[in-house]
Every structure is written in structure tokens, then in C-alpha cells.
Amino acid sequence: MSLRAVEEQTDVSNAYLSQLEHGRIRQPSPVILHKLSELYRVSYAKAMRLAGYPVPGFPERELAPTGLARFGDVTPDEEEALAEYLEFLRARQGRRSGR
């Protein structure tokens, strides 16, 4: 998606988007992050965390990518379903080991 197309859909200026893309803006405002997360269908909480904002209930650090890359691109719905299933598996594992 071009910067001009993003500008048209979010009302965030092309110049600002370019600076953001090139790392000249380190912490965009929550309003900007919200607009971009909606457009790109990315979790707003994740966008906030990656921008350095504290997000209650969100892990303090991101885990390194794992073997999920072998599945290729996943949709946001698939990512959410995988996260829910992983949470289920971890909870079940915790019950078995007596945690």
C-alpha cells in the first residue's frame, strides 16, 4: 500500500508516514497508532506495546519468532485463533504438572 493510499484512508500525512517508516519518529501518538492498526488489521494493544507504551496485560517483551513462519502469512483471525489455542495448551500443561 502506498503512503498516499494510507494517507487517504487514515488522514495521517504522507510526510509523517514517511518519517515513521524511516524510523525518524520513534513513538507515534496513540491516535495515529489506532488509525494505522485499524487500517492494517493489527492489534491496537500490540501496536501500542511495540511503540513503547505500557499496555496492561500485555507481555513486557515480545518473544522471538518461532517455527510459525513455516505456515507463511496468517490472517489476523488465524493469528488470534492460534494465540487462543496456545493459551489453552499452556493452561492444560500447567494443570498436568500441578502448577
Protein backbone atom coordinates (compact mmCIF):
# COMPACT_ATOMS: atom_id res chain seq x y z
CA MET A 1 0.00 0.00 0.00
CA SER A 2 1.47 3.36 -0.95
CA LEU A 3 1.93 6.16 1.56
CA ARG A 4 -0.57 8.25 -0.39
CA ALA A 5 -3.18 5.48 -0.13
CA VAL A 6 -2.57 5.19 3.62
CA GLU A 7 -2.85 8.96 3.93
CA GLU A 8 -6.20 8.95 2.14
CA GLN A 9 -7.61 6.22 4.38
CA THR A 10 -6.27 7.45 7.73
CA ASP A 11 -5.86 11.24 7.39
CA VAL A 12 -2.25 10.81 8.56
CA SER A 13 0.01 12.94 6.39
CA ASN A 14 2.27 11.36 3.81
CA ALA A 15 5.26 13.20 5.31
CA TYR A 16 4.51 11.87 8.81
CA LEU A 17 4.09 8.33 7.48
CA SER A 18 7.42 8.59 5.65
CA GLN A 19 9.18 9.74 8.82
CA LEU A 20 7.57 6.91 10.73
CA GLU A 21 8.58 4.39 8.09
CA HIS A 22 12.21 5.56 8.18
CA GLY A 23 12.45 5.49 11.97
CA ARG A 24 12.62 9.25 12.47
CA ILE A 25 9.55 9.11 14.70
CA ARG A 26 10.18 6.67 17.50
CA GLN A 27 6.89 6.82 19.36
CA PRO A 28 3.83 7.82 17.32
CA SER A 29 0.81 9.05 19.23
CA PRO A 30 -1.82 6.54 20.34
CA VAL A 31 -4.31 8.22 17.98
CA ILE A 32 -2.03 7.60 14.98
CA LEU A 33 -1.39 4.02 16.12
CA HIS A 34 -5.11 3.41 16.40
CA LYS A 35 -5.75 4.63 12.86
CA LEU A 36 -2.92 2.54 11.44
CA SER A 37 -3.80 -0.58 13.43
CA GLU A 38 -7.37 -0.43 12.12
CA LEU A 39 -6.19 0.02 8.54
CA TYR A 40 -3.65 -2.80 8.71
CA ARG A 41 -5.83 -5.02 10.93
CA VAL A 42 -3.21 -5.28 13.63
CA SER A 43 -4.00 -5.46 17.33
CA TYR A 44 -4.05 -1.94 18.77
CA ALA A 45 -2.54 -3.26 22.02
CA LYS A 46 0.31 -4.86 20.11
CA ALA A 47 0.94 -1.64 18.15
CA MET A 48 0.98 0.34 21.39
CA ARG A 49 3.39 -2.10 23.02
CA LEU A 50 5.73 -2.14 20.02
CA ALA A 51 5.76 1.67 20.09
CA GLY A 52 6.92 1.54 23.71
CA TYR A 53 3.70 2.32 25.53
CA PRO A 54 2.84 0.24 28.63
CA VAL A 55 -0.18 -1.96 28.00
CA PRO A 56 -1.79 -3.73 30.99
CA GLY A 57 -1.99 -7.47 30.49
CA PHE A 58 0.42 -7.44 27.57
CA PRO A 59 3.78 -9.18 27.93
CA GLU A 60 6.69 -6.92 28.85
CA ARG A 61 8.75 -8.24 25.98
CA GLU A 62 7.97 -9.91 22.71
CA LEU A 63 9.14 -13.46 22.31
CA ALA A 64 11.37 -14.21 19.36
CA PRO A 65 9.60 -15.58 16.28
CA THR A 66 9.41 -19.34 16.20
CA GLY A 67 8.60 -22.05 13.69
CA LEU A 68 5.26 -20.44 12.85
CA ALA A 69 6.97 -18.84 9.88
CA ARG A 70 6.75 -22.17 8.10
CA PHE A 71 3.00 -21.60 7.77
CA GLY A 72 3.52 -18.43 5.76
CA ASP A 73 1.35 -15.38 6.18
CA VAL A 74 -1.56 -15.80 8.57
CA THR A 75 -4.64 -13.65 8.72
CA PRO A 76 -5.39 -11.67 11.89
CA ASP A 77 -8.21 -14.12 12.66
CA GLU A 78 -5.84 -17.08 12.28
CA GLU A 79 -3.25 -15.38 14.48
CA GLU A 80 -5.85 -14.77 17.17
CA ALA A 81 -7.08 -18.37 16.98
CA LEU A 82 -3.52 -19.70 17.25
CA ALA A 83 -2.86 -17.49 20.27
CA GLU A 84 -6.04 -18.70 21.97
CA TYR A 85 -5.18 -22.32 21.29
CA LEU A 86 -1.63 -21.85 22.60
CA GLU A 87 -3.04 -20.27 25.76
CA PHE A 88 -5.34 -23.30 26.15
CA LEU A 89 -2.44 -25.73 25.70
CA ARG A 90 -0.28 -23.88 28.20
CA ALA A 91 -3.10 -23.79 30.76
CA ARG A 92 -3.71 -27.52 30.28
CA GLN A 93 0.00 -28.24 30.66
CA GLY A 94 0.06 -26.22 33.87
CA ARG A 95 -2.76 -28.33 35.34
CA ARG A 96 -0.98 -31.59 34.50
CA SER A 97 2.29 -30.59 36.10
CA GLY A 98 0.50 -29.42 39.26
CA ARG A 99 1.19 -25.72 38.77
